[in-house]
C-alpha atoms as a PDB file:
ATOM      1  CA  MET A   1     -19.993  -5.444 -69.843  1.00  0.00           C
ATOM      2  CA  PRO A   2     -20.926  -9.128 -70.182  1.00  0.00           C
ATOM      3  CA  VAL A   3     -23.890 -10.620 -69.175  1.00  0.00           C
ATOM      4  CA  LYS A   4     -24.637 -13.549 -66.905  1.00  0.00           C
ATOM      5  CA  LYS A   5     -26.921 -16.556 -67.342  1.00  0.00           C
ATOM      6  CA  TYR A   6     -28.194 -18.617 -64.834  1.00  0.00           C
ATOM      7  CA  LYS A   7     -28.712 -22.268 -64.169  1.00  0.00           C
ATOM      8  CA  PRO A   8     -32.142 -23.315 -64.465  1.00  0.00           C
ATOM      9  CA  THR A   9     -32.946 -24.320 -61.148  1.00  0.00           C
ATOM     10  CA  THR A  10     -36.200 -22.326 -61.022  1.00  0.00           C
ATOM     11  CA  PRO A  11     -38.603 -21.428 -63.874  1.00  0.00           C
ATOM     12  CA  GLY A  12     -37.554 -17.796 -63.358  1.00  0.00           C
ATOM     13  CA  GLN A  13     -33.685 -18.341 -63.253  1.00  0.00           C
ATOM     14  CA  ARG A  14     -34.194 -20.597 -66.497  1.00  0.00           C
ATOM     15  CA  GLN A  15     -35.049 -17.282 -68.646  1.00  0.00           C
ATOM     16  CA  ARG A  16     -32.894 -14.685 -66.664  1.00  0.00           C
ATOM     17  CA  VAL A  17     -30.029 -13.011 -68.231  1.00  0.00           C
ATOM     18  CA  SER A  18     -28.525 -10.236 -66.121  1.00  0.00           C
ATOM     19  CA  LEU A  19     -25.634  -7.683 -66.029  1.00  0.00           C
ATOM     20  CA  THR A  20     -22.520  -8.437 -64.219  1.00  0.00           C
ATOM     21  CA  TYR A  21     -22.094  -4.941 -63.181  1.00  0.00           C
ATOM     22  CA  GLU A  22     -18.482  -5.129 -63.396  1.00  0.00           C
ATOM     23  CA  GLU A  23     -17.891  -1.615 -64.497  1.00  0.00           C
ATOM     24  CA  LEU A  24     -19.866  -0.205 -61.216  1.00  0.00           C
ATOM     25  CA  THR A  25     -17.921   0.946 -58.026  1.00  0.00           C
ATOM     26  CA  LYS A  26     -18.806  -0.406 -54.396  1.00  0.00           C
ATOM     27  CA  LYS A  27     -22.580   0.214 -53.381  1.00  0.00           C
ATOM     28  CA  ARG A  28     -22.970   3.830 -52.225  1.00  0.00           C
ATOM     29  CA  ARG A  29     -25.773   6.098 -51.449  1.00  0.00           C
ATOM     30  CA  PRO A  30     -25.852   9.372 -53.476  1.00  0.00           C
ATOM     31  CA  ALA A  31     -24.982  12.598 -51.460  1.00  0.00           C
ATOM     32  CA  LYS A  32     -27.869  14.358 -49.956  1.00  0.00           C
ATOM     33  CA  ARG A  33     -27.895  17.718 -52.289  1.00  0.00           C
ATOM     34  CA  MET A  34     -27.615  15.333 -55.101  1.00  0.00           C
ATOM     35  CA  ARG A  35     -30.620  12.999 -54.555  1.00  0.00           C
ATOM     36  CA  LYS A  36     -34.400  13.909 -54.156  1.00  0.00           C
ATOM     37  CA  TYR A  37     -37.124  11.433 -53.292  1.00  0.00           C
ATOM     38  CA  ILE A  38     -39.852  11.669 -55.789  1.00  0.00           C
ATOM     39  CA  LYS A  39     -43.410  10.503 -54.759  1.00  0.00           C
ATOM     40  CA  GLU A  40     -44.915   7.660 -56.904  1.00  0.00           C
ATOM     41  CA  LYS A  41     -48.090   8.452 -58.657  1.00  0.00           C
ATOM     42  CA  ALA A  42     -48.727   4.721 -60.000  1.00  0.00           C
ATOM     43  CA  GLY A  43     -50.231   6.159 -63.301  1.00  0.00           C
ATOM     44  CA  ARG A  44     -52.341   9.012 -61.918  1.00  0.00           C
ATOM     45  CA  ASN A  45     -53.045  12.679 -62.744  1.00  0.00           C
ATOM     46  CA  ASN A  46     -53.799  15.309 -60.544  1.00  0.00           C
ATOM     47  CA  GLN A  47     -57.190  14.381 -59.930  1.00  0.00           C
ATOM     48  CA  GLY A  48     -56.211  10.916 -58.865  1.00  0.00           C
ATOM     49  CA  LYS A  49     -57.531   9.184 -62.145  1.00  0.00           C
ATOM     50  CA  LEU A  50     -55.757   6.599 -63.656  1.00  0.00           C
ATOM     51  CA  THR A  51     -54.300   7.807 -66.881  1.00  0.00           C
ATOM     52  CA  VAL A  52     -51.262   5.155 -67.649  1.00  0.00           C
ATOM     53  CA  ARG A  53     -52.279   1.464 -66.915  1.00  0.00           C
ATOM     54  CA  HIS A  54     -49.747  -1.098 -65.535  1.00  0.00           C
ATOM     55  CA  ARG A  55     -48.085   0.943 -63.028  1.00  0.00           C
ATOM     56  CA  GLY A  56     -47.616   0.758 -59.247  1.00  0.00           C
ATOM     57  CA  GLY A  57     -45.898  -0.718 -56.429  1.00  0.00           C
ATOM     58  CA  GLY A  58     -42.155  -1.064 -57.122  1.00  0.00           C
ATOM     59  CA  HIS A  59     -39.210  -0.501 -54.868  1.00  0.00           C
ATOM     60  CA  LYS A  60     -38.689   2.992 -53.038  1.00  0.00           C
ATOM     61  CA  THR A  61     -36.011   4.787 -55.050  1.00  0.00           C
ATOM     62  CA  LEU A  62     -34.180   7.887 -54.712  1.00  0.00           C
ATOM     63  CA  TYR A  63     -33.539  10.281 -57.732  1.00  0.00           C
ATOM     64  CA  ARG A  64     -30.146  11.428 -58.744  1.00  0.00           C
ATOM     65  CA  LEU A  65     -29.936  14.911 -60.074  1.00  0.00           C
ATOM     66  CA  ILE A  66     -28.048  14.618 -63.248  1.00  0.00           C
ATOM     67  CA  ASP A  67     -26.124  17.665 -64.694  1.00  0.00           C
ATOM     68  CA  PHE A  68     -27.128  17.612 -68.271  1.00  0.00           C
ATOM     69  CA  LYS A  69     -25.755  21.020 -69.260  1.00  0.00           C
ATOM     70  CA  GLN A  70     -22.417  20.931 -67.561  1.00  0.00           C
ATOM     71  CA  VAL A  71     -21.857  24.652 -68.444  1.00  0.00           C
ATOM     72  CA  GLU A  72     -21.802  25.986 -64.858  1.00  0.00           C
ATOM     73  CA  LYS A  73     -18.605  24.024 -64.667  1.00  0.00           C
ATOM     74  CA  ILE A  74     -17.048  25.156 -68.167  1.00  0.00           C
ATOM     75  CA  ASN A  75     -13.259  25.053 -68.377  1.00  0.00           C
ATOM     76  CA  ILE A  76     -13.190  23.260 -65.207  1.00  0.00           C
ATOM     77  CA  PRO A  77     -11.562  19.786 -65.541  1.00  0.00           C
ATOM     78  CA  GLY A  78     -13.222  17.101 -63.437  1.00  0.00           C
ATOM     79  CA  LYS A  79     -12.097  13.283 -62.483  1.00  0.00           C
ATOM     80  CA  ILE A  80     -14.343  10.453 -62.133  1.00  0.00           C
ATOM     81  CA  SER A  81     -14.891   9.682 -58.752  1.00  0.00           C
ATOM     82  CA  SER A  82     -17.334   6.345 -59.104  1.00  0.00           C
ATOM     83  CA  VAL A  83     -19.492   4.813 -61.888  1.00  0.00           C
ATOM     84  CA  GLU A  84     -22.796   4.148 -60.287  1.00  0.00           C
ATOM     85  CA  TYR A  85     -26.299   2.552 -60.840  1.00  0.00           C
ATOM     86  CA  ASP A  86     -29.201   4.729 -61.560  1.00  0.00           C
ATOM     87  CA  PRO A  87     -32.682   3.326 -60.841  1.00  0.00           C
ATOM     88  CA  TYR A  88     -34.367   5.858 -62.853  1.00  0.00           C
ATOM     89  CA  ARG A  89     -32.418   5.573 -66.213  1.00  0.00           C
ATOM     90  CA  SER A  90     -31.034   2.496 -68.301  1.00  0.00           C
ATOM     91  CA  CYS A  91     -27.567   3.922 -68.437  1.00  0.00           C
ATOM     92  CA  PHE A  92     -25.095   4.372 -65.653  1.00  0.00           C
ATOM     93  CA  ILE A  93     -24.012   7.628 -64.184  1.00  0.00           C
ATOM     94  CA  ILE A  94     -20.895   9.180 -63.282  1.00  0.00           C
ATOM     95  CA  LEU A  95     -19.756  11.185 -60.382  1.00  0.00           C
ATOM     96  CA  VAL A  96     -17.343  13.810 -61.201  1.00  0.00           C
ATOM     97  CA  VAL A  97     -15.231  15.842 -58.947  1.00  0.00           C
ATOM     98  CA  TYR A  98     -13.956  19.117 -60.388  1.00  0.00           C
ATOM     99  CA  ALA A  99     -11.014  20.903 -59.465  1.00  0.00           C
ATOM    100  CA  ASP A 100     -12.567  23.495 -57.330  1.00  0.00           C
ATOM    101  CA  GLY A 101     -14.138  20.714 -55.045  1.00  0.00           C
ATOM    102  CA  ASP A 102     -17.451  20.708 -56.384  1.00  0.00           C
ATOM    103  CA  LYS A 103     -19.222  17.422 -57.272  1.00  0.00           C
ATOM    104  CA  ARG A 104     -21.641  16.541 -59.983  1.00  0.00           C
ATOM    105  CA  TYR A 105     -23.544  13.341 -61.540  1.00  0.00           C
ATOM    106  CA  HIS A 106     -23.312  13.158 -65.450  1.00  0.00           C
ATOM    107  CA  ILE A 107     -24.573  10.273 -67.953  1.00  0.00           C
ATOM    108  CA  ALA A 108     -21.790   7.650 -68.100  1.00  0.00           C
ATOM    109  CA  PRO A 109     -19.941   7.560 -71.564  1.00  0.00           C
ATOM    110  CA  HIS A 110     -19.015   3.862 -72.369  1.00  0.00           C
ATOM    111  CA  GLY A 111     -15.563   3.238 -71.970  1.00  0.00           C
ATOM    112  CA  LEU A 112     -14.757   5.313 -69.052  1.00  0.00           C
ATOM    113  CA  LYS A 113     -13.573   4.440 -65.548  1.00  0.00           C
ATOM    114  CA  VAL A 114     -12.832   5.882 -62.129  1.00  0.00           C
ATOM    115  CA  GLY A 115      -9.638   7.880 -62.539  1.00  0.00           C
ATOM    116  CA  ASP A 116     -10.316   9.400 -66.011  1.00  0.00           C
ATOM    117  CA  GLU A 117     -10.492  13.023 -66.648  1.00  0.00           C
ATOM    118  CA  VAL A 118     -13.125  15.124 -68.331  1.00  0.00           C
ATOM    119  CA  ILE A 119     -14.184  18.688 -69.250  1.00  0.00           C
ATOM    120  CA  CYS A 120     -16.876  20.746 -70.668  1.00  0.00           C
ATOM    121  CA  LYS A 121     -15.493  23.641 -73.055  1.00  0.00           C
ATOM    122  CA  PRO A 122     -16.470  25.056 -76.217  1.00  0.00           C
ATOM    123  CA  LYS A 123     -13.391  24.161 -78.042  1.00  0.00           C
ATOM    124  CA  ALA A 124     -11.688  21.038 -76.314  1.00  0.00           C
ATOM    125  CA  LYS A 125      -9.864  17.962 -77.339  1.00  0.00           C
ATOM    126  CA  ALA A 126     -12.496  15.497 -79.040  1.00  0.00           C
ATOM    127  CA  LYS A 127     -11.926  12.645 -76.430  1.00  0.00           C
ATOM    128  CA  ASN A 128     -14.447  10.360 -74.788  1.00  0.00           C
ATOM    129  CA  GLY A 129     -16.478  11.834 -72.103  1.00  0.00           C
ATOM    130  CA  ASN A 130     -15.742  15.471 -73.173  1.00  0.00           C
ATOM    131  CA  ARG A 131     -18.403  18.095 -73.758  1.00  0.00           C
ATOM    132  CA  LEU A 132     -17.964  20.674 -76.369  1.00  0.00           C
ATOM    133  CA  LYS A 133     -19.886  22.719 -79.288  1.00  0.00           C
ATOM    134  CA  LEU A 134     -20.828  20.769 -82.333  1.00  0.00           C
ATOM    135  CA  LYS A 135     -18.827  23.267 -84.415  1.00  0.00           C
ATOM    136  CA  TYR A 136     -15.800  22.161 -82.935  1.00  0.00           C
ATOM    137  CA  ILE A 137     -16.473  18.469 -83.025  1.00  0.00           C
ATOM    138  CA  PRO A 138     -15.017  16.552 -86.121  1.00  0.00           C
ATOM    139  CA  VAL A 139     -17.284  15.194 -88.615  1.00  0.00           C
ATOM    140  CA  GLY A 140     -18.135  11.683 -88.176  1.00  0.00           C
ATOM    141  CA  PHE A 141     -17.687  11.468 -84.379  1.00  0.00           C
ATOM    142  CA  GLU A 142     -20.237   9.556 -82.252  1.00  0.00           C
ATOM    143  CA  ILE A 143     -21.924  11.787 -79.802  1.00  0.00           C
ATOM    144  CA  HIS A 144     -24.577  11.877 -76.971  1.00  0.00           C
ATOM    145  CA  ASN A 145     -26.633  13.680 -74.771  1.00  0.00           C
ATOM    146  CA  ILE A 146     -27.247  16.329 -77.488  1.00  0.00           C
ATOM    147  CA  GLU A 147     -28.444  19.743 -77.050  1.00  0.00           C
ATOM    148  CA  THR A 148     -31.392  20.949 -79.185  1.00  0.00           C
ATOM    149  CA  ASN A 149     -32.090  24.142 -77.722  1.00  0.00           C
ATOM    150  CA  LEU A 150     -29.416  26.713 -76.646  1.00  0.00           C
ATOM    151  CA  GLY A 151     -28.848  26.576 -72.757  1.00  0.00           C
ATOM    152  CA  LYS A 152     -31.364  23.987 -71.980  1.00  0.00           C
ATOM    153  CA  GLY A 153     -28.895  21.213 -71.660  1.00  0.00           C
ATOM    154  CA  GLY A 154     -28.728  17.821 -73.227  1.00  0.00           C
ATOM    155  CA  GLN A 155     -32.134  16.326 -74.114  1.00  0.00           C
ATOM    156  CA  ILE A 156     -31.811  13.597 -76.625  1.00  0.00           C
ATOM    157  CA  VAL A 157     -29.423  10.124 -77.163  1.00  0.00           C
ATOM    158  CA  ARG A 158     -29.263   9.580 -73.303  1.00  0.00           C
ATOM    159  CA  SER A 159     -30.480   5.965 -72.837  1.00  0.00           C
ATOM    160  CA  ALA A 160     -28.151   2.961 -72.694  1.00  0.00           C
ATOM    161  CA  GLY A 161     -26.018   2.197 -75.561  1.00  0.00           C
ATOM    162  CA  ALA A 162     -27.500   5.011 -77.591  1.00  0.00           C
ATOM    163  CA  VAL A 163     -25.192   6.953 -79.994  1.00  0.00           C
ATOM    164  CA  ALA A 164     -25.607   9.633 -82.679  1.00  0.00           C
ATOM    165  CA  ARG A 165     -23.312  10.619 -85.647  1.00  0.00           C
ATOM    166  CA  LEU A 166     -22.144  14.194 -86.603  1.00  0.00           C
ATOM    167  CA  ILE A 167     -22.618  13.834 -90.464  1.00  0.00           C
ATOM    168  CA  SER A 168     -22.028  17.696 -91.769  1.00  0.00           C
ATOM    169  CA  LEU A 169     -21.034  20.820 -90.192  1.00  0.00           C
ATOM    170  CA  GLU A 170     -21.947  22.896 -93.662  1.00  0.00           C
ATOM    171  CA  GLY A 171     -24.360  25.710 -93.643  1.00  0.00           C
ATOM    172  CA  LYS A 172     -26.117  27.225 -90.677  1.00  0.00           C
ATOM    173  CA  TYR A 173     -26.803  24.094 -88.882  1.00  0.00           C
ATOM    174  CA  ALA A 174     -25.013  20.838 -88.137  1.00  0.00           C
ATOM    175  CA  GLN A 175     -26.401  17.782 -89.226  1.00  0.00           C
ATOM    176  CA  VAL A 176     -26.809  14.867 -86.651  1.00  0.00           C
ATOM    177  CA  GLN A 177     -27.903  11.271 -87.531  1.00  0.00           C
ATOM    178  CA  LEU A 178     -29.941  10.182 -84.514  1.00  0.00           C
ATOM    179  CA  PRO A 179     -30.219   6.390 -83.463  1.00  0.00           C
ATOM    180  CA  SER A 180     -33.325   6.076 -85.449  1.00  0.00           C
ATOM    181  CA  LYS A 181     -31.518   7.131 -88.417  1.00  0.00           C
ATOM    182  CA  GLU A 182     -33.343  10.315 -88.497  1.00  0.00           C
ATOM    183  CA  VAL A 183     -30.975  13.400 -89.688  1.00  0.00           C
ATOM    184  CA  ARG A 184     -31.877  16.454 -87.545  1.00  0.00           C
ATOM    185  CA  LEU A 185     -30.337  20.093 -88.075  1.00  0.00           C
ATOM    186  CA  VAL A 186     -29.143  21.283 -84.771  1.00  0.00           C
ATOM    187  CA  ASN A 187     -27.683  24.721 -83.883  1.00  0.00           C
ATOM    188  CA  LYS A 188     -23.776  24.633 -84.196  1.00  0.00           C
ATOM    189  CA  ASP A 189     -23.325  26.159 -80.681  1.00  0.00           C
ATOM    190  CA  CYS A 190     -25.477  23.613 -79.043  1.00  0.00           C
ATOM    191  CA  TYR A 191     -23.226  21.185 -76.705  1.00  0.00           C
ATOM    192  CA  ALA A 192     -22.818  17.436 -76.952  1.00  0.00           C
ATOM    193  CA  THR A 193     -20.644  14.774 -75.367  1.00  0.00           C
ATOM    194  CA  ILE A 194     -18.221  12.693 -77.362  1.00  0.00           C
ATOM    195  CA  GLY A 195     -18.680   8.981 -77.323  1.00  0.00           C
ATOM    196  CA  ARG A 196     -21.631   6.517 -76.873  1.00  0.00           C
ATOM    197  CA  VAL A 197     -23.681   6.154 -73.619  1.00  0.00           C
ATOM    198  CA  SER A 198     -22.643   3.585 -71.283  1.00  0.00           C
ATOM    199  CA  ASN A 199     -24.382   0.108 -70.632  1.00  0.00           C
ATOM    200  CA  VAL A 200     -24.738  -0.999 -74.281  1.00  0.00           C
ATOM    201  CA  ASP A 201     -25.577  -4.481 -73.156  1.00  0.00           C
ATOM    202  CA  HIS A 202     -28.968  -3.258 -71.603  1.00  0.00           C
ATOM    203  CA  GLY A 203     -31.063  -4.757 -74.593  1.00  0.00           C
ATOM    204  CA  LEU A 204     -29.802  -8.339 -73.818  1.00  0.00           C
ATOM    205  CA  VAL A 205     -31.307  -8.426 -70.356  1.00  0.00           C
ATOM    206  CA  LYS A 206     -34.047 -10.848 -69.642  1.00  0.00           C
ATOM    207  CA  ILE A 207     -36.052 -10.024 -66.261  1.00  0.00           C
ATOM    208  CA  GLY A 208     -36.903 -13.704 -66.160  1.00  0.00           C
ATOM    209  CA  LYS A 209     -40.095 -13.604 -63.642  1.00  0.00           C
ATOM    210  CA  ALA A 210     -42.903 -11.396 -63.069  1.00  0.00           C
ATOM    211  CA  GLY A 211     -41.672 -10.714 -59.599  1.00  0.00           C
ATOM    212  CA  ARG A 212     -38.803  -8.492 -60.867  1.00  0.00           C
ATOM    213  CA  SER A 213     -41.066  -6.615 -62.927  1.00  0.00           C
ATOM    214  CA  ARG A 214     -43.081  -5.639 -59.749  1.00  0.00           C
ATOM    215  CA  HIS A 215     -40.184  -4.447 -58.103  1.00  0.00           C
ATOM    216  CA  MET A 216     -39.538  -2.207 -61.228  1.00  0.00           C
ATOM    217  CA  GLY A 217     -43.047  -0.707 -60.584  1.00  0.00           C
ATOM    218  CA  ARG A 218     -44.626  -2.475 -63.442  1.00  0.00           C
ATOM    219  CA  ARG A 219     -48.079  -4.213 -62.942  1.00  0.00           C
ATOM    220  CA  PRO A 220     -49.267  -7.298 -64.806  1.00  0.00           C
ATOM    221  CA  VAL A 221     -50.636  -6.689 -68.631  1.00  0.00           C
ATOM    222  CA  VAL A 222     -53.687  -8.821 -69.325  1.00  0.00           C
ATOM    223  CA  ARG A 223     -55.342  -9.619 -72.815  1.00  0.00           C
ATOM    224  CA  GLY A 224     -58.600  -7.776 -73.482  1.00  0.00           C
ATOM    225  CA  LYS A 225     -59.573 -11.313 -75.202  1.00  0.00           C
ATOM    226  CA  VAL A 226     -59.772 -13.030 -71.739  1.00  0.00           C
ATOM    227  CA  MET A 227     -61.727 -10.039 -70.238  1.00  0.00           C
ATOM    228  CA  ASN A 228     -65.504  -9.821 -69.584  1.00  0.00           C
ATOM    229  CA  PRO A 229     -67.482  -7.815 -72.297  1.00  0.00           C
ATOM    230  CA  VAL A 230     -67.778  -4.897 -69.624  1.00  0.00           C
ATOM    231  CA  ASP A 231     -63.884  -4.557 -69.448  1.00  0.00           C
ATOM    232  CA  HIS A 232     -62.784  -4.735 -72.805  1.00  0.00           C
ATOM    233  CA  PRO A 233     -64.340  -4.693 -76.764  1.00  0.00           C
ATOM    234  CA  HIS A 234     -62.622  -8.033 -77.201  1.00  0.00           C
ATOM    235  CA  GLY A 235     -64.030  -9.742 -74.158  1.00  0.00           C
ATOM    236  CA  GLY A 236     -66.669 -12.362 -73.467  1.00  0.00           C
ATOM    237  CA  GLY A 237     -67.613 -15.541 -75.776  1.00  0.00           C
ATOM    238  CA  GLU A 238     -67.223 -19.153 -74.559  1.00  0.00           C
ATOM    239  CA  GLY A 239     -63.428 -20.270 -74.361  1.00  0.00           C
ATOM    240  CA  ARG A 240     -60.926 -19.287 -76.826  1.00  0.00           C
ATOM    241  CA  ASN A 241     -62.936 -17.418 -79.666  1.00  0.00           C
ATOM    242  CA  SER A 242     -61.680 -15.013 -81.918  1.00  0.00           C
ATOM    243  CA  ILE A 243     -62.157 -11.150 -81.195  1.00  0.00           C
ATOM    244  CA  GLY A 244     -65.369 -11.153 -83.324  1.00  0.00           C
ATOM    245  CA  MET A 245     -64.861  -7.996 -85.138  1.00  0.00           C
ATOM    246  CA  LYS A 246     -63.254  -6.659 -88.342  1.00  0.00           C
ATOM    247  CA  TYR A 247     -60.279  -4.910 -86.727  1.00  0.00           C
ATOM    248  CA  PRO A 248     -58.812  -4.939 -82.956  1.00  0.00           C
ATOM    249  CA  LYS A 249     -59.845  -2.114 -80.645  1.00  0.00           C
ATOM    250  CA  THR A 250     -58.352  -0.535 -77.754  1.00  0.00           C
ATOM    251  CA  LYS A 251     -59.950  -0.736 -74.169  1.00  0.00           C
ATOM    252  CA  TRP A 252     -61.899   2.531 -74.992  1.00  0.00           C
ATOM    253  CA  GLY A 253     -63.058   1.089 -78.328  1.00  0.00           C
ATOM    254  CA  ALA A 254     -60.664   3.337 -80.770  1.00  0.00           C
ATOM    255  CA  PRO A 255     -59.050   1.150 -83.626  1.00  0.00           C
ATOM    256  CA  ALA A 256     -55.624  -0.544 -82.777  1.00  0.00           C
ATOM    257  CA  LEU A 257     -52.692  -2.303 -84.348  1.00  0.00           C
ATOM    258  CA  GLY A 258     -51.840  -0.633 -87.564  1.00  0.00           C
ATOM    259  CA  VAL A 259     -54.359   2.276 -87.463  1.00  0.00           C
ATOM    260  CA  LYS A 260     -52.846   5.702 -86.593  1.00  0.00           C
ATOM    261  CA  THR A 261     -54.584   6.838 -83.419  1.00  0.00           C
ATOM    262  CA  ARG A 262     -52.314   9.980 -82.545  1.00  0.00           C
ATOM    263  CA  LYS A 263     -54.486  13.303 -83.653  1.00  0.00           C
ATOM    264  CA  ARG A 264     -51.903  15.829 -82.985  1.00  0.00           C
ATOM    265  CA  LYS A 265     -49.242  16.376 -85.414  1.00  0.00           C
ATOM    266  CA  LYS A 266     -45.547  17.235 -84.665  1.00  0.00           C
ATOM    267  CA  TRP A 267     -45.275  21.072 -84.028  1.00  0.00           C
ATOM    268  CA  THR A 268     -42.938  21.516 -86.933  1.00  0.00           C
ATOM    269  CA  ASN A 269     -40.423  19.271 -89.029  1.00  0.00           C
ATOM    270  CA  ARG A 270     -38.347  22.324 -90.211  1.00  0.00           C
ATOM    271  CA  PHE A 271     -35.648  20.779 -88.446  1.00  0.00           C
ATOM    272  CA  ILE A 272     -35.495  17.292 -89.892  1.00  0.00           C
ATOM    273  CA  ALA A 273     -33.591  16.905 -92.923  1.00  0.00           C
ATOM    274  CA  ARG A 274     -34.325  13.008 -93.498  1.00  0.00           C
ATOM    275  CA  THR A 275     -37.078  10.995 -91.350  1.00  0.00           C
ATOM    276  CA  ARG A 276     -36.350   7.950 -89.951  1.00  0.00           C
ATOM    277  CA  LYS A 277     -37.917   6.024 -92.910  1.00  0.00           C
ATOM    278  CA  GLY A 278     -35.407   7.731 -95.473  1.00  0.00           C
ATOM    279  CA  LYS A 279     -37.799  10.406 -96.705  1.00  0.00           C
ATOM    280  CA  GLN A 280     -35.622  13.391 -97.625  1.00  0.00           C
ATOM    281  CA  LEU A 281     -37.649  16.886 -96.356  1.00  0.00           C
ATOM    282  CA  ILE A 282     -34.304  19.146 -96.636  1.00  0.00           C
ATOM    283  CA  LYS A 283     -31.890  19.183 -99.569  1.00  0.00           C
ATOM    284  CA  MET A 284     -28.570  18.308 -98.329  1.00  0.00           C
ATOM    285  CA  ASP A 285     -25.429  19.304 -99.708  1.00  0.00           C
END
């Protein structure tokens, strides 16, 4: 999808780069049974305390119920009725009408358009948009919406333009190279969809002005250096001084920028054959 630049008639337009949305069908509201209103929490937890900063406001949105599993419609062909925008995700979504009359929303693969047919089947033709088990997908094919736990539905490689690659089917597990270049072992009976995720030009978009960010529910981010000492460890001083300490700190005094701050380790790395930094953890044939 091409991107659109604007004439610099205003400071906001000068920086703005947006999508043309040529792939989308005409504007329409999602069907009632496939949508849900989620109350905005503005970064608060169940006690009402702020746990995530810079959230709040934004346009009211409806959540589309996406079928990440597709196994309920196994062996039933479906036809794409429309390609739509989803405010809750960076990629587009497709409305699929099945042969039995049922309708479902799916993640939109790149290159599919209205009228194309898709199917979820354990062993099907390895065609763009079809969903099948990993053990029946040819090695080297691009895949997305990958299931990591049997029966749980697609959980990884779902954002705009994301793509993974099936690099091996030898042994007990399939080896999948994720967008981060990490190679992960996945059960061969897990499902994945052929192709890459739609909206590949998402990374080229520039918001242009603060007002559009506010419409998306993002509040302003302020540097600690310009705050008062009561608000941030970097705050205070006269004019534009340095932060006045050996290393940068977070708002709560913990080390920041280049220092590991996560305490909990990953539950396990036994399904990671090669890390995204190239470290080999499991010997691959």
